Structures are given as structure tokens and as C-alpha cells.
Amino acid sequence: MYDDLIDKFDAIPELPPNMHQLDHILNLLPKSEVGLIVGKWKTVWPALIRVLREIDFLSHPDDIFDEDEPAPEEALEFLAPPSSTSPD
């Protein structure tokens, strides 16, 4: 799961010793939600959500999580630009 995220993100430069690759990716998130539907973020964002969910599950083993949570790919659906319709 984590390796999939790193593969989708592509090249990560050498980081300072106290910085994790996940920190680097989070620091480069687009400033607006529209940025998530362009370029590599279309594939990185769902992979990042999967990793963050897994961290959440592992950090809270006694919590009950909603198994009907939407797939990470669905997180971008509400960001899709509205389809244009031509006036009659």
C-alpha cells in the first residue's frame, strides 16, 4: 500500500534525516481541491487516502470503523468539473 503511494508519486528527493517520505508528499499537496484532479494527483490522492486510513486503523485498534466508507477513488468524483451543456 505504502509502496504503491511512493510509486504513484514518482521521484522523491533525498530528504533531511528527520523527514519521512509521507511528510514530503503531504507538504506538496495542492493548495486547492481542484489541484487534486490534475496531473499525478489524480492517482496519488486515492493512494494517499488508503495509506492514511491504514495508519488510522492501526493507530486506533479498538475503534470501530465504518466498513461502508467510500472507496478513495470516489473522493475525487465531487471535484470533477461540471459537464458543460450548450444552451438550446
PDB file of N, CA and C in Angstrom:
ATOM      1  N   MET A   1       0.832  -1.184   0.000  1.00  0.00           N
ATOM      2  CA  MET A   1       0.000   0.000   0.000  1.00  0.00           C
ATOM      3  C   MET A   1       0.883   1.256   0.000  1.00  0.00           C
ATOM      4  N   TYR A   2       1.831   1.303   0.937  1.00  0.00           N
ATOM      5  CA  TYR A   2       2.737   2.451   1.009  1.00  0.00           C
ATOM      6  C   TYR A   2       3.622   2.517  -0.235  1.00  0.00           C
ATOM      7  N   ASP A   3       4.113   1.354  -0.665  1.00  0.00           N
ATOM      8  CA  ASP A   3       4.950   1.315  -1.870  1.00  0.00           C
ATOM      9  C   ASP A   3       4.169   1.793  -3.094  1.00  0.00           C
ATOM     10  N   ASP A   4       2.884   1.472  -3.143  1.00  0.00           N
ATOM     11  CA  ASP A   4       2.037   1.926  -4.241  1.00  0.00           C
ATOM     12  C   ASP A   4       1.971   3.452  -4.250  1.00  0.00           C
ATOM     13  N   LEU A   5       1.840   4.055  -3.082  1.00  0.00           N
ATOM     14  CA  LEU A   5       1.810   5.513  -2.976  1.00  0.00           C
ATOM     15  C   LEU A   5       3.116   6.104  -3.486  1.00  0.00           C
ATOM     16  N   ILE A   6       4.226   5.556  -3.048  1.00  0.00           N
ATOM     17  CA  ILE A   6       5.529   6.084  -3.455  1.00  0.00           C
ATOM     18  C   ILE A   6       5.720   5.917  -4.966  1.00  0.00           C
ATOM     19  N   ASP A   7       5.287   4.786  -5.510  1.00  0.00           N
ATOM     20  CA  ASP A   7       5.388   4.571  -6.956  1.00  0.00           C
ATOM     21  C   ASP A   7       4.554   5.586  -7.732  1.00  0.00           C
ATOM     22  N   LYS A   8       3.361   5.852  -7.253  1.00  0.00           N
ATOM     23  CA  LYS A   8       2.477   6.792  -7.942  1.00  0.00           C
ATOM     24  C   LYS A   8       2.994   8.225  -7.832  1.00  0.00           C
ATOM     25  N   PHE A   9       3.619   8.550  -6.696  1.00  0.00           N
ATOM     26  CA  PHE A   9       4.131   9.905  -6.507  1.00  0.00           C
ATOM     27  C   PHE A   9       5.333  10.163  -7.398  1.00  0.00           C
ATOM     28  N   ASP A  10       6.096   9.131  -7.651  1.00  0.00           N
ATOM     29  CA  ASP A  10       7.273   9.204  -8.508  1.00  0.00           C
ATOM     30  C   ASP A  10       8.488   9.598  -7.678  1.00  0.00           C
ATOM     31  N   ALA A  11       9.342  10.411  -8.207  1.00  0.00           N
ATOM     32  CA  ALA A  11      10.642  10.698  -7.588  1.00  0.00           C
ATOM     33  C   ALA A  11      10.494  11.529  -6.312  1.00  0.00           C
ATOM     34  N   ILE A  12      11.117  11.036  -5.260  1.00  0.00           N
ATOM     35  CA  ILE A  12      11.200  11.783  -4.005  1.00  0.00           C
ATOM     36  C   ILE A  12      12.678  12.069  -3.785  1.00  0.00           C
ATOM     37  N   PRO A  13      13.014  13.332  -3.611  1.00  0.00           N
ATOM     38  CA  PRO A  13      14.430  13.669  -3.434  1.00  0.00           C
ATOM     39  C   PRO A  13      14.959  13.157  -2.097  1.00  0.00           C
ATOM     40  N   GLU A  14      16.253  13.246  -1.937  1.00  0.00           N
ATOM     41  CA  GLU A  14      16.828  12.893  -0.641  1.00  0.00           C
ATOM     42  C   GLU A  14      16.291  13.898   0.374  1.00  0.00           C
ATOM     43  N   LEU A  15      15.808  13.368   1.478  1.00  0.00           N
ATOM     44  CA  LEU A  15      15.150  14.212   2.479  1.00  0.00           C
ATOM     45  C   LEU A  15      16.044  14.372   3.701  1.00  0.00           C
ATOM     46  N   PRO A  16      15.803  15.430   4.482  1.00  0.00           N
ATOM     47  CA  PRO A  16      16.540  15.570   5.741  1.00  0.00           C
ATOM     48  C   PRO A  16      16.308  14.339   6.621  1.00  0.00           C
ATOM     49  N   PRO A  17      17.239  14.021   7.498  1.00  0.00           N
ATOM     50  CA  PRO A  17      17.117  12.803   8.320  1.00  0.00           C
ATOM     51  C   PRO A  17      15.833  12.717   9.138  1.00  0.00           C
ATOM     52  N   ASN A  18      15.282  13.838   9.545  1.00  0.00           N
ATOM     53  CA  ASN A  18      14.080  13.805  10.395  1.00  0.00           C
ATOM     54  C   ASN A  18      12.782  13.911   9.591  1.00  0.00           C
ATOM     55  N   MET A  19      12.863  13.847   8.263  1.00  0.00           N
ATOM     56  CA  MET A  19      11.659  13.961   7.440  1.00  0.00           C
ATOM     57  C   MET A  19      11.344  12.629   6.774  1.00  0.00           C
ATOM     58  N   HIS A  20      10.092  12.218   6.901  1.00  0.00           N
ATOM     59  CA  HIS A  20       9.620  10.979   6.297  1.00  0.00           C
ATOM     60  C   HIS A  20       9.078  11.283   4.898  1.00  0.00           C
ATOM     61  N   GLN A  21       9.099  10.295   4.021  1.00  0.00           N
ATOM     62  CA  GLN A  21       8.569  10.475   2.671  1.00  0.00           C
ATOM     63  C   GLN A  21       7.108  10.909   2.693  1.00  0.00           C
ATOM     64  N   LEU A  22       6.342  10.390   3.627  1.00  0.00           N
ATOM     65  CA  LEU A  22       4.936  10.775   3.742  1.00  0.00           C
ATOM     66  C   LEU A  22       4.803  12.263   4.080  1.00  0.00           C
ATOM     67  N   ASP A  23       5.687  12.783   4.938  1.00  0.00           N
ATOM     68  CA  ASP A  23       5.683  14.215   5.245  1.00  0.00           C
ATOM     69  C   ASP A  23       5.934  15.031   3.982  1.00  0.00           C
ATOM     70  N   HIS A  24       6.873  14.573   3.178  1.00  0.00           N
ATOM     71  CA  HIS A  24       7.206  15.274   1.935  1.00  0.00           C
ATOM     72  C   HIS A  24       5.985  15.337   1.011  1.00  0.00           C
ATOM     73  N   ILE A  25       5.305  14.220   0.852  1.00  0.00           N
ATOM     74  CA  ILE A  25       4.117  14.178  -0.014  1.00  0.00           C
ATOM     75  C   ILE A  25       3.028  15.099   0.533  1.00  0.00           C
ATOM     76  N   LEU A  26       2.791  15.041   1.836  1.00  0.00           N
ATOM     77  CA  LEU A  26       1.766  15.902   2.430  1.00  0.00           C
ATOM     78  C   LEU A  26       2.102  17.379   2.260  1.00  0.00           C
ATOM     79  N   ASN A  27       3.380  17.716   2.361  1.00  0.00           N
ATOM     80  CA  ASN A  27       3.799  19.114   2.197  1.00  0.00           C
ATOM     81  C   ASN A  27       3.599  19.621   0.772  1.00  0.00           C
ATOM     82  N   LEU A  28       3.540  18.714  -0.191  1.00  0.00           N
ATOM     83  CA  LEU A  28       3.380  19.117  -1.589  1.00  0.00           C
ATOM     84  C   LEU A  28       1.945  19.027  -2.098  1.00  0.00           C
ATOM     85  N   LEU A  29       1.011  18.735  -1.215  1.00  0.00           N
ATOM     86  CA  LEU A  29      -0.395  18.688  -1.638  1.00  0.00           C
ATOM     87  C   LEU A  29      -0.786  20.007  -2.291  1.00  0.00           C
ATOM     88  N   PRO A  30      -1.602  19.946  -3.321  1.00  0.00           N
ATOM     89  CA  PRO A  30      -2.060  21.183  -3.963  1.00  0.00           C
ATOM     90  C   PRO A  30      -2.770  22.086  -2.956  1.00  0.00           C
ATOM     91  N   LYS A  31      -2.718  23.356  -3.209  1.00  0.00           N
ATOM     92  CA  LYS A  31      -3.330  24.341  -2.302  1.00  0.00           C
ATOM     93  C   LYS A  31      -4.848  24.377  -2.402  1.00  0.00           C
ATOM     94  N   SER A  32      -5.399  23.847  -3.492  1.00  0.00           N
ATOM     95  CA  SER A  32      -6.855  23.807  -3.618  1.00  0.00           C
ATOM     96  C   SER A  32      -7.280  22.417  -4.071  1.00  0.00           C
ATOM     97  N   GLU A  33      -8.534  22.108  -3.845  1.00  0.00           N
ATOM     98  CA  GLU A  33      -9.045  20.792  -4.217  1.00  0.00           C
ATOM     99  C   GLU A  33      -9.011  20.571  -5.727  1.00  0.00           C
ATOM    100  N   VAL A  34      -9.067  21.632  -6.494  1.00  0.00           N
ATOM    101  CA  VAL A  34      -9.027  21.495  -7.946  1.00  0.00           C
ATOM    102  C   VAL A  34      -7.690  20.893  -8.382  1.00  0.00           C
ATOM    103  N   GLY A  35      -6.619  21.199  -7.673  1.00  0.00           N
ATOM    104  CA  GLY A  35      -5.311  20.648  -7.996  1.00  0.00           C
ATOM    105  C   GLY A  35      -5.247  19.139  -7.870  1.00  0.00           C
ATOM    106  N   LEU A  36      -6.188  18.549  -7.149  1.00  0.00           N
ATOM    107  CA  LEU A  36      -6.191  17.097  -6.964  1.00  0.00           C
ATOM    108  C   LEU A  36      -6.690  16.341  -8.189  1.00  0.00           C
ATOM    109  N   ILE A  37      -7.291  17.032  -9.135  1.00  0.00           N
ATOM    110  CA  ILE A  37      -7.832  16.328 -10.306  1.00  0.00           C
ATOM    111  C   ILE A  37      -6.947  16.502 -11.533  1.00  0.00           C
ATOM    112  N   VAL A  38      -5.770  17.055 -11.354  1.00  0.00           N
ATOM    113  CA  VAL A  38      -4.853  17.229 -12.486  1.00  0.00           C
ATOM    114  C   VAL A  38      -3.541  16.512 -12.214  1.00  0.00           C
ATOM    115  N   GLY A  39      -2.887  16.127 -13.273  1.00  0.00           N
ATOM    116  CA  GLY A  39      -1.565  15.523 -13.180  1.00  0.00           C
ATOM    117  C   GLY A  39      -1.524  14.282 -12.311  1.00  0.00           C
ATOM    118  N   LYS A  40      -0.402  14.111 -11.651  1.00  0.00           N
ATOM    119  CA  LYS A  40      -0.192  12.899 -10.859  1.00  0.00           C
ATOM    120  C   LYS A  40      -1.112  12.800  -9.652  1.00  0.00           C
ATOM    121  N   TRP A  41      -1.666  13.924  -9.224  1.00  0.00           N
ATOM    122  CA  TRP A  41      -2.502  13.889  -8.022  1.00  0.00           C
ATOM    123  C   TRP A  41      -3.770  13.054  -8.203  1.00  0.00           C
ATOM    124  N   LYS A  42      -4.205  12.865  -9.454  1.00  0.00           N
ATOM    125  CA  LYS A  42      -5.389  12.022  -9.698  1.00  0.00           C
ATOM    126  C   LYS A  42      -5.156  10.596  -9.214  1.00  0.00           C
ATOM    127  N   THR A  43      -3.914  10.128  -9.261  1.00  0.00           N
ATOM    128  CA  THR A  43      -3.614   8.778  -8.783  1.00  0.00           C
ATOM    129  C   THR A  43      -2.976   8.799  -7.401  1.00  0.00           C
ATOM    130  N   VAL A  44      -2.247   9.874  -7.084  1.00  0.00           N
ATOM    131  CA  VAL A  44      -1.585   9.958  -5.773  1.00  0.00           C
ATOM    132  C   VAL A  44      -2.606  10.142  -4.656  1.00  0.00           C
ATOM    133  N   TRP A  45      -3.613  10.978  -4.883  1.00  0.00           N
ATOM    134  CA  TRP A  45      -4.586  11.284  -3.829  1.00  0.00           C
ATOM    135  C   TRP A  45      -5.300  10.036  -3.303  1.00  0.00           C
ATOM    136  N   PRO A  46      -5.869   9.179  -4.163  1.00  0.00           N
ATOM    137  CA  PRO A  46      -6.505   7.960  -3.632  1.00  0.00           C
ATOM    138  C   PRO A  46      -5.504   7.050  -2.907  1.00  0.00           C
ATOM    139  N   ALA A  47      -4.273   6.953  -3.422  1.00  0.00           N
ATOM    140  CA  ALA A  47      -3.249   6.120  -2.757  1.00  0.00           C
ATOM    141  C   ALA A  47      -2.897   6.705  -1.393  1.00  0.00           C
ATOM    142  N   LEU A  48      -2.834   8.021  -1.299  1.00  0.00           N
ATOM    143  CA  LEU A  48      -2.550   8.684  -0.027  1.00  0.00           C
ATOM    144  C   LEU A  48      -3.677   8.441   0.971  1.00  0.00           C
ATOM    145  N   ILE A  49      -4.916   8.520   0.518  1.00  0.00           N
ATOM    146  CA  ILE A  49      -6.052   8.254   1.407  1.00  0.00           C
ATOM    147  C   ILE A  49      -5.985   6.828   1.948  1.00  0.00           C
ATOM    148  N   ARG A  50      -5.632   5.860   1.092  1.00  0.00           N
ATOM    149  CA  ARG A  50      -5.515   4.470   1.552  1.00  0.00           C
ATOM    150  C   ARG A  50      -4.477   4.341   2.662  1.00  0.00           C
ATOM    151  N   VAL A  51      -3.318   4.978   2.473  1.00  0.00           N
ATOM    152  CA  VAL A  51      -2.252   4.911   3.478  1.00  0.00           C
ATOM    153  C   VAL A  51      -2.704   5.579   4.772  1.00  0.00           C
ATOM    154  N   LEU A  52      -3.318   6.741   4.669  1.00  0.00           N
ATOM    155  CA  LEU A  52      -3.768   7.444   5.878  1.00  0.00           C
ATOM    156  C   LEU A  52      -4.864   6.672   6.608  1.00  0.00           C
ATOM    157  N   ARG A  53      -5.739   6.015   5.864  1.00  0.00           N
ATOM    158  CA  ARG A  53      -6.766   5.175   6.508  1.00  0.00           C
ATOM    159  C   ARG A  53      -6.112   4.025   7.268  1.00  0.00           C
ATOM    160  N   GLU A  54      -5.126   3.392   6.641  1.00  0.00           N
ATOM    161  CA  GLU A  54      -4.450   2.270   7.295  1.00  0.00           C
ATOM    162  C   GLU A  54      -3.738   2.735   8.557  1.00  0.00           C
ATOM    163  N   ILE A  55      -3.106   3.885   8.505  1.00  0.00           N
ATOM    164  CA  ILE A  55      -2.461   4.449   9.704  1.00  0.00           C
ATOM    165  C   ILE A  55      -3.505   4.683  10.776  1.00  0.00           C
ATOM    166  N   ASP A  56      -4.650   5.208  10.393  1.00  0.00           N
ATOM    167  CA  ASP A  56      -5.734   5.449  11.341  1.00  0.00           C
ATOM    168  C   ASP A  56      -6.205   4.137  11.971  1.00  0.00           C
ATOM    169  N   PHE A  57      -6.425   3.114  11.147  1.00  0.00           N
ATOM    170  CA  PHE A  57      -6.852   1.799  11.662  1.00  0.00           C
ATOM    171  C   PHE A  57      -5.835   1.242  12.642  1.00  0.00           C
ATOM    172  N   LEU A  58      -4.560   1.302  12.268  1.00  0.00           N
ATOM    173  CA  LEU A  58      -3.509   0.736  13.116  1.00  0.00           C
ATOM    174  C   LEU A  58      -3.297   1.549  14.391  1.00  0.00           C
ATOM    175  N   SER A  59      -3.559   2.841  14.326  1.00  0.00           N
ATOM    176  CA  SER A  59      -3.388   3.711  15.498  1.00  0.00           C
ATOM    177  C   SER A  59      -4.535   3.603  16.485  1.00  0.00           C
ATOM    178  N   HIS A  60      -5.667   3.101  16.017  1.00  0.00           N
ATOM    179  CA  HIS A  60      -6.866   3.002  16.858  1.00  0.00           C
ATOM    180  C   HIS A  60      -7.467   1.600  16.753  1.00  0.00           C
ATOM    181  N   PRO A  61      -6.728   0.590  17.218  1.00  0.00           N
ATOM    182  CA  PRO A  61      -7.195  -0.795  17.028  1.00  0.00           C
ATOM    183  C   PRO A  61      -8.511  -1.122  17.726  1.00  0.00           C
ATOM    184  N   ASP A  62      -8.862  -0.371  18.763  1.00  0.00           N
ATOM    185  CA  ASP A  62     -10.097  -0.665  19.494  1.00  0.00           C
ATOM    186  C   ASP A  62     -11.316   0.067  18.939  1.00  0.00           C
ATOM    187  N   ASP A  63     -11.100   0.974  17.996  1.00  0.00           N
ATOM    188  CA  ASP A  63     -12.215   1.721  17.423  1.00  0.00           C
ATOM    189  C   ASP A  63     -12.938   0.886  16.373  1.00  0.00           C
ATOM    190  N   ILE A  64     -14.187   1.200  16.182  1.00  0.00           N
ATOM    191  CA  ILE A  64     -14.988   0.546  15.149  1.00  0.00           C
ATOM    192  C   ILE A  64     -15.087   1.518  13.980  1.00  0.00           C
ATOM    193  N   PHE A  65     -14.659   1.054  12.820  1.00  0.00           N
ATOM    194  CA  PHE A  65     -14.678   1.903  11.637  1.00  0.00           C
ATOM    195  C   PHE A  65     -15.826   1.489  10.725  1.00  0.00           C
ATOM    196  N   ASP A  66     -16.330   2.460  10.020  1.00  0.00           N
ATOM    197  CA  ASP A  66     -17.416   2.221   9.081  1.00  0.00           C
ATOM    198  C   ASP A  66     -16.872   1.460   7.875  1.00  0.00           C
ATOM    199  N   GLU A  67     -17.287   0.220   7.714  1.00  0.00           N
ATOM    200  CA  GLU A  67     -16.800  -0.592   6.599  1.00  0.00           C
ATOM    201  C   GLU A  67     -17.412  -0.162   5.274  1.00  0.00           C
ATOM    202  N   ASP A  68     -18.475   0.625   5.308  1.00  0.00           N
ATOM    203  CA  ASP A  68     -19.128   1.087   4.092  1.00  0.00           C
ATOM    204  C   ASP A  68     -18.570   2.423   3.616  1.00  0.00           C
ATOM    205  N   GLU A  69     -17.388   2.769   4.101  1.00  0.00           N
ATOM    206  CA  GLU A  69     -16.768   4.025   3.699  1.00  0.00           C
ATOM    207  C   GLU A  69     -16.494   4.000   2.193  1.00  0.00           C
ATOM    208  N   PRO A  70     -16.672   5.122   1.522  1.00  0.00           N
ATOM    209  CA  PRO A  70     -16.464   5.125   0.071  1.00  0.00           C
ATOM    210  C   PRO A  70     -15.019   4.811  -0.303  1.00  0.00           C
ATOM    211  N   ALA A  71     -14.844   4.290  -1.493  1.00  0.00           N
ATOM    212  CA  ALA A  71     -13.507   3.989  -1.997  1.00  0.00           C
ATOM    213  C   ALA A  71     -12.735   5.301  -2.170  1.00  0.00           C
ATOM    214  N   PRO A  72     -11.423   5.287  -1.952  1.00  0.00           N
ATOM    215  CA  PRO A  72     -10.638   6.518  -2.105  1.00  0.00           C
ATOM    216  C   PRO A  72     -10.796   7.182  -3.472  1.00  0.00           C
ATOM    217  N   GLU A  73     -10.985   6.395  -4.525  1.00  0.00           N
ATOM    218  CA  GLU A  73     -11.166   6.975  -5.857  1.00  0.00           C
ATOM    219  C   GLU A  73     -12.411   7.839  -5.930  1.00  0.00           C
ATOM    220  N   GLU A  74     -13.395   7.532  -5.116  1.00  0.00           N
ATOM    221  CA  GLU A  74     -14.637   8.301  -5.114  1.00  0.00           C
ATOM    222  C   GLU A  74     -14.450   9.690  -4.510  1.00  0.00           C
ATOM    223  N   ALA A  75     -13.353   9.891  -3.794  1.00  0.00           N
ATOM    224  CA  ALA A  75     -13.101  11.192  -3.176  1.00  0.00           C
ATOM    225  C   ALA A  75     -12.906  12.283  -4.213  1.00  0.00           C
ATOM    226  N   LEU A  76     -12.521  11.903  -5.417  1.00  0.00           N
ATOM    227  CA  LEU A  76     -12.303  12.893  -6.472  1.00  0.00           C
ATOM    228  C   LEU A  76     -13.548  13.156  -7.309  1.00  0.00           C
ATOM    229  N   GLU A  77     -14.553  12.321  -7.176  1.00  0.00           N
ATOM    230  CA  GLU A  77     -15.745  12.467  -8.013  1.00  0.00           C
ATOM    231  C   GLU A  77     -16.454  13.798  -7.813  1.00  0.00           C
ATOM    232  N   PHE A  78     -16.492  14.281  -6.586  1.00  0.00           N
ATOM    233  CA  PHE A  78     -17.195  15.543  -6.343  1.00  0.00           C
ATOM    234  C   PHE A  78     -16.387  16.736  -6.849  1.00  0.00           C
ATOM    235  N   LEU A  79     -15.117  16.509  -7.209  1.00  0.00           N
ATOM    236  CA  LEU A  79     -14.277  17.588  -7.712  1.00  0.00           C
ATOM    237  C   LEU A  79     -14.302  17.703  -9.224  1.00  0.00           C
ATOM    238  N   ALA A  80     -14.874  16.730  -9.878  1.00  0.00           N
ATOM    239  CA  ALA A  80     -14.884  16.739 -11.342  1.00  0.00           C
ATOM    240  C   ALA A  80     -15.600  17.993 -11.830  1.00  0.00           C
ATOM    241  N   PRO A  81     -15.046  18.634 -12.831  1.00  0.00           N
ATOM    242  CA  PRO A  81     -15.708  19.839 -13.333  1.00  0.00           C
ATOM    243  C   PRO A  81     -17.088  19.496 -13.892  1.00  0.00           C
ATOM    244  N   PRO A  82     -18.044  20.374 -13.684  1.00  0.00           N
ATOM    245  CA  PRO A  82     -19.400  20.092 -14.176  1.00  0.00           C
ATOM    246  C   PRO A  82     -19.380  19.959 -15.690  1.00  0.00           C
ATOM    247  N   SER A  83     -20.208  19.049 -16.167  1.00  0.00           N
ATOM    248  CA  SER A  83     -20.274  18.880 -17.614  1.00  0.00           C
ATOM    249  C   SER A  83     -20.958  20.106 -18.223  1.00  0.00           C
ATOM    250  N   SER A  84     -20.389  20.573 -19.298  1.00  0.00           N
ATOM    251  CA  SER A  84     -20.978  21.763 -19.898  1.00  0.00           C
ATOM    252  C   SER A  84     -22.126  21.360 -20.819  1.00  0.00           C
ATOM    253  N   THR A  85     -23.132  22.130 -20.756  1.00  0.00           N
ATOM    254  CA  THR A  85     -24.281  21.901 -21.643  1.00  0.00           C
ATOM    255  C   THR A  85     -24.460  23.140 -22.481  1.00  0.00           C
ATOM    256  N   SER A  86     -24.706  22.939 -23.712  1.00  0.00           N
ATOM    257  CA  SER A  86     -24.902  24.099 -24.585  1.00  0.00           C
ATOM    258  C   SER A  86     -26.364  24.526 -24.519  1.00  0.00           C
ATOM    259  N   PRO A  87     -26.588  25.834 -24.528  1.00  0.00           N
ATOM    260  CA  PRO A  87     -27.979  26.320 -24.482  1.00  0.00           C
ATOM    261  C   PRO A  87     -28.689  25.987 -25.791  1.00  0.00           C
ATOM    262  N   ASP A  88     -29.982  25.748 -25.694  1.00  0.00           N
ATOM    263  CA  ASP A  88     -30.789  25.421 -26.880  1.00  0.00           C
ATOM    264  C   ASP A  88     -31.106  26.633 -27.690  1.00  0.00           C
TER     265      ASP A  88
END
